[in-house]
Amino acid sequence: QNSVAVIIGAMLISPLMGPIVGLGMSLAVFDYLAMRQALRTLAIGVAMALTVSVLIVLVSPLRDATPEILARTQPTLFDLLVAVFSGLAGAYATINRKGETIVGVAIATALMPPLAVVGFGLATWNLHIAGGAAFLFMTNLLAIAFSVTAMARWYMFGTEDSPKQSAWRAAVIVGAFVLLSVPLGLALHNIAQRSVVQVAVRSAMDEAARGAGGRVASVAVRREDDRYIVEGVMLV
């Protein structure tokens, strides 16, 4: 519905936060049984969320991608940073039994809206939307889980682990963040480049419109391969 209030409600309905925190804690203490249970719960939750969202889109006459949908298809490095710091806050709240903080973490990381957008993309067979939203969801999921692991280790959980286990865990966390950072950093760079181009185009069009006694109604810039496509409306 392109409603911010509805989306915030979806953020608060966050059944996946529990198993994600459980996954991070189980990795901190190498509890394979808890890890398997967390992964199983996550898989069921994701499957149910996708099924419901696909069904809703299929029975709805509204198939246009709204701005709120499109906003969740282009994750950047900032999204990773938000998820990391939110995950650290959530882990701190869990360890120190400050449950009310989890509400803020759920809003900041927004696990359900990206999943709903994945369902929208699958139902409308728009793989670009589905893929971008899925990447955002995985970014949030992994960042929260590994941030919980790091915070748990800071609080001395799993101190009886062997040096090999600690090294393996550190390698997994660092490797995952590096793999996520590269594409997210490139996406942020592309968005920044497009913003610079859009400002330049808008400035040129504003100058031309003033010369004709008119104004610029709208400007949209998108990149295709190595060139930019400009769509603008000038009222004269």
Protein backbone atom coordinates (compact mmCIF):
# COMPACT_ATOMS: atom_id res chain seq x y z
CA GLN A 1 0.00 0.00 0.00
CA ASN A 2 3.06 2.26 -0.02
CA SER A 3 2.20 3.16 3.59
CA VAL A 4 5.02 3.94 6.00
CA ALA A 5 2.78 3.03 8.98
CA VAL A 6 2.06 -0.42 7.54
CA ILE A 7 5.74 -0.99 6.80
CA ILE A 8 6.77 -0.05 10.34
CA GLY A 9 4.15 -2.51 11.58
CA ALA A 10 5.73 -5.19 9.40
CA MET A 11 9.11 -4.35 10.89
CA LEU A 12 7.74 -4.81 14.41
CA ILE A 13 6.26 -8.19 13.47
CA SER A 14 9.70 -9.75 13.43
CA PRO A 15 9.45 -13.50 14.11
CA LEU A 16 12.84 -14.07 12.50
CA MET A 17 14.79 -11.96 14.98
CA GLY A 18 14.73 -14.70 17.64
CA PRO A 19 16.25 -17.48 15.53
CA ILE A 20 18.81 -15.06 14.02
CA VAL A 21 19.99 -14.08 17.50
CA GLY A 22 19.96 -17.78 18.40
CA LEU A 23 22.11 -18.53 15.34
CA GLY A 24 24.66 -15.92 16.40
CA MET A 25 24.77 -17.20 19.98
CA SER A 26 25.11 -20.82 18.90
CA LEU A 27 28.04 -19.87 16.67
CA ALA A 28 29.68 -18.10 19.62
CA VAL A 29 29.57 -21.21 21.80
CA PHE A 30 29.70 -23.82 19.01
CA ASP A 31 26.39 -25.39 19.99
CA TYR A 32 25.60 -27.34 16.84
CA LEU A 33 22.19 -28.52 18.08
CA ALA A 34 21.05 -24.94 18.76
CA MET A 35 22.53 -23.83 15.44
CA ARG A 36 20.61 -26.52 13.56
CA GLN A 37 17.37 -25.59 15.34
CA ALA A 38 17.89 -21.88 14.58
CA LEU A 39 18.56 -22.59 10.90
CA ARG A 40 15.49 -24.83 10.71
CA THR A 41 13.28 -22.16 12.28
CA LEU A 42 14.72 -19.54 9.94
CA ALA A 43 14.07 -21.70 6.89
CA ILE A 44 10.46 -22.33 7.91
CA GLY A 45 9.89 -18.66 8.72
CA VAL A 46 11.33 -17.47 5.41
CA ALA A 47 9.29 -20.04 3.46
CA MET A 48 6.08 -19.01 5.22
CA ALA A 49 6.75 -15.29 4.69
CA LEU A 50 7.47 -15.79 0.99
CA THR A 51 4.39 -17.99 0.52
CA VAL A 52 2.07 -15.48 2.17
CA SER A 53 3.51 -12.50 0.28
CA VAL A 54 3.31 -14.30 -3.08
CA LEU A 55 -0.31 -15.30 -2.44
CA ILE A 56 -1.25 -11.74 -1.45
CA VAL A 57 0.27 -10.33 -4.64
CA LEU A 58 -1.38 -12.98 -6.80
CA VAL A 59 -4.89 -12.22 -5.48
CA SER A 60 -4.35 -8.45 -5.52
CA PRO A 61 -5.09 -6.33 -8.61
CA LEU A 62 -2.20 -4.01 -7.66
CA ARG A 63 0.99 -5.08 -9.43
CA ASP A 64 2.92 -1.81 -9.79
CA ALA A 65 6.20 -1.50 -7.88
CA THR A 66 5.72 1.35 -5.40
CA PRO A 67 8.56 3.61 -4.18
CA GLU A 68 8.63 1.68 -0.88
CA ILE A 69 9.09 -1.58 -2.80
CA LEU A 70 11.84 -0.16 -5.00
CA ALA A 71 13.61 1.30 -1.96
CA ARG A 72 14.34 -2.25 -0.79
CA THR A 73 15.91 -3.44 -4.04
CA GLN A 74 19.18 -1.47 -3.94
CA PRO A 75 21.07 -2.27 -0.74
CA THR A 76 24.31 -0.39 -0.17
CA LEU A 77 27.22 -0.40 2.24
CA PHE A 78 25.19 1.83 4.57
CA ASP A 79 22.61 -0.96 4.94
CA LEU A 80 25.38 -3.31 6.05
CA LEU A 81 26.64 -0.79 8.63
CA VAL A 82 23.13 -0.24 9.99
CA ALA A 83 22.64 -4.00 10.33
CA VAL A 84 26.01 -4.46 12.06
CA PHE A 85 25.46 -1.76 14.69
CA SER A 86 21.83 -2.77 15.17
CA GLY A 87 22.95 -6.36 15.65
CA LEU A 88 25.48 -5.28 18.28
CA ALA A 89 22.74 -3.34 20.08
CA GLY A 90 20.39 -6.32 19.89
CA ALA A 91 23.04 -8.68 21.22
CA TYR A 92 23.83 -6.32 24.09
CA ALA A 93 20.12 -6.07 24.91
CA THR A 94 19.72 -9.86 24.81
CA ILE A 95 22.73 -10.56 27.01
CA ASN A 96 21.77 -7.87 29.53
CA ARG A 97 18.04 -8.75 29.39
CA LYS A 98 16.92 -5.38 28.05
CA GLY A 99 14.20 -6.77 25.82
CA GLU A 100 12.66 -3.41 24.88
CA THR A 101 15.75 -2.53 22.82
CA ILE A 102 14.96 -5.37 20.40
CA VAL A 103 12.01 -3.30 19.12
CA GLY A 104 14.40 -0.63 17.87
CA VAL A 105 16.66 -3.25 16.32
CA ALA A 106 13.69 -4.80 14.51
CA ILE A 107 12.73 -1.42 13.03
CA ALA A 108 16.30 -0.52 12.07
CA THR A 109 17.09 -3.76 10.28
CA ALA A 110 13.63 -4.50 8.84
CA LEU A 111 13.69 -8.23 8.11
CA MET A 112 10.09 -8.74 6.98
CA PRO A 113 9.68 -5.90 4.43
CA PRO A 114 12.56 -7.16 2.23
CA LEU A 115 11.08 -10.66 2.36
CA ALA A 116 7.69 -9.26 1.31
CA VAL A 117 9.40 -7.51 -1.61
CA VAL A 118 11.06 -10.79 -2.60
CA GLY A 119 7.58 -12.34 -2.67
CA PHE A 120 6.33 -9.43 -4.79
CA GLY A 121 9.20 -9.93 -7.24
CA LEU A 122 8.56 -13.68 -7.50
CA ALA A 123 4.81 -13.21 -7.96
CA THR A 124 5.29 -10.60 -10.70
CA TRP A 125 8.26 -12.51 -12.13
CA ASN A 126 10.52 -9.48 -11.69
CA LEU A 127 13.83 -11.10 -10.82
CA HIS A 128 15.61 -7.75 -10.48
CA ILE A 129 13.31 -6.73 -7.62
CA ALA A 130 13.35 -10.20 -6.05
CA GLY A 131 17.15 -10.47 -6.25
CA GLY A 132 17.83 -7.01 -4.82
CA ALA A 133 15.45 -7.51 -1.90
CA ALA A 134 16.84 -11.00 -1.22
CA PHE A 135 20.35 -9.55 -1.07
CA LEU A 136 19.16 -6.91 1.41
CA PHE A 137 17.53 -9.59 3.56
CA MET A 138 20.65 -11.76 3.55
CA THR A 139 22.80 -8.73 4.37
CA ASN A 140 20.66 -7.95 7.41
CA LEU A 141 20.45 -11.61 8.47
CA LEU A 142 24.19 -12.31 8.32
CA ALA A 143 25.20 -8.95 9.78
CA ILE A 144 22.88 -9.40 12.78
CA ALA A 145 23.91 -13.01 13.39
CA PHE A 146 27.65 -12.32 13.21
CA SER A 147 27.33 -9.14 15.29
CA VAL A 148 25.60 -11.22 17.97
CA THR A 149 28.48 -13.71 17.78
CA ALA A 150 31.05 -10.93 18.19
CA MET A 151 29.19 -9.38 21.14
CA ALA A 152 28.77 -12.78 22.80
CA ARG A 153 32.49 -13.40 22.51
CA TRP A 154 33.12 -9.96 24.01
CA TYR A 155 31.07 -11.07 27.02
CA MET A 156 33.20 -14.23 27.29
CA PHE A 157 30.71 -16.74 25.90
CA GLY A 158 32.47 -19.79 24.49
CA THR A 159 35.78 -19.12 26.24
CA GLU A 160 36.47 -22.85 26.47
CA ASP A 161 36.75 -23.16 22.70
CA SER A 162 39.98 -24.37 21.18
CA PRO A 163 42.25 -21.95 19.24
CA LYS A 164 41.27 -23.75 16.03
CA GLN A 165 37.57 -23.20 16.68
CA SER A 166 38.15 -19.52 17.48
CA ALA A 167 40.22 -19.05 14.31
CA TRP A 168 37.56 -20.80 12.20
CA ARG A 169 34.82 -18.62 13.66
CA ALA A 170 36.80 -15.41 13.10
CA ALA A 171 37.56 -16.42 9.50
CA VAL A 172 33.87 -17.06 8.79
CA ILE A 173 32.80 -13.70 10.21
CA VAL A 174 35.51 -11.66 8.48
CA GLY A 175 35.04 -13.52 5.19
CA ALA A 176 31.28 -12.97 5.22
CA PHE A 177 31.65 -9.24 5.88
CA VAL A 178 34.24 -8.88 3.12
CA LEU A 179 32.01 -10.73 0.63
CA LEU A 180 29.06 -8.52 1.55
CA SER A 181 31.06 -5.29 1.56
CA VAL A 182 32.34 -5.54 -2.02
CA PRO A 183 29.01 -5.59 -3.91
CA LEU A 184 27.38 -3.21 -1.41
CA GLY A 185 30.26 -0.77 -1.77
CA LEU A 186 30.01 -0.93 -5.56
CA ALA A 187 26.26 -0.30 -5.36
CA LEU A 188 26.85 2.74 -3.15
CA HIS A 189 29.46 4.03 -5.61
CA ASN A 190 27.05 3.63 -8.53
CA ILE A 191 24.28 5.45 -6.65
CA ALA A 192 26.68 8.29 -5.81
CA GLN A 193 27.74 8.56 -9.46
CA ARG A 194 24.13 8.63 -10.61
CA SER A 195 23.32 11.36 -8.07
CA VAL A 196 26.17 13.53 -9.37
CA VAL A 197 24.97 13.04 -12.95
CA GLN A 198 21.38 13.80 -11.96
CA VAL A 199 22.41 17.05 -10.25
CA ALA A 200 24.35 18.13 -13.35
CA VAL A 201 21.47 17.24 -15.67
CA ARG A 202 18.93 19.01 -13.48
CA SER A 203 21.11 22.12 -13.37
CA ALA A 204 21.42 22.22 -17.16
CA MET A 205 17.68 21.68 -17.64
CA ASP A 206 16.81 24.36 -15.05
CA GLU A 207 19.00 26.85 -16.90
CA ALA A 208 17.39 25.98 -20.24
CA ALA A 209 13.91 26.21 -18.73
CA ARG A 210 14.58 29.65 -17.25
CA GLY A 211 15.75 30.84 -20.66
CA ALA A 212 12.42 29.73 -22.13
CA GLY A 213 10.34 31.12 -19.26
CA GLY A 214 9.37 27.67 -18.01
CA ARG A 215 10.30 25.13 -15.36
CA VAL A 216 11.44 21.53 -15.01
CA ALA A 217 8.66 19.23 -13.80
CA SER A 218 10.67 16.03 -13.33
CA VAL A 219 14.02 14.43 -14.08
CA ALA A 220 14.94 10.74 -13.91
CA VAL A 221 18.40 9.35 -14.64
CA ARG A 222 19.27 5.68 -15.04
CA ARG A 223 22.37 3.89 -16.19
CA GLU A 224 22.45 1.30 -18.96
CA ASP A 225 25.83 -0.33 -19.54
CA ASP A 226 28.31 2.58 -19.87
CA ARG A 227 25.83 5.36 -20.66
CA TYR A 228 23.17 7.32 -18.85
CA ILE A 229 19.54 7.60 -19.99
CA VAL A 230 17.81 10.85 -19.03
CA GLU A 231 14.03 11.22 -18.97
CA GLY A 232 12.81 14.72 -18.16
CA VAL A 233 9.70 16.83 -18.43
CA MET A 234 10.07 20.56 -19.00
CA LEU A 235 7.01 22.85 -18.97
CA VAL A 236 7.42 25.96 -21.17
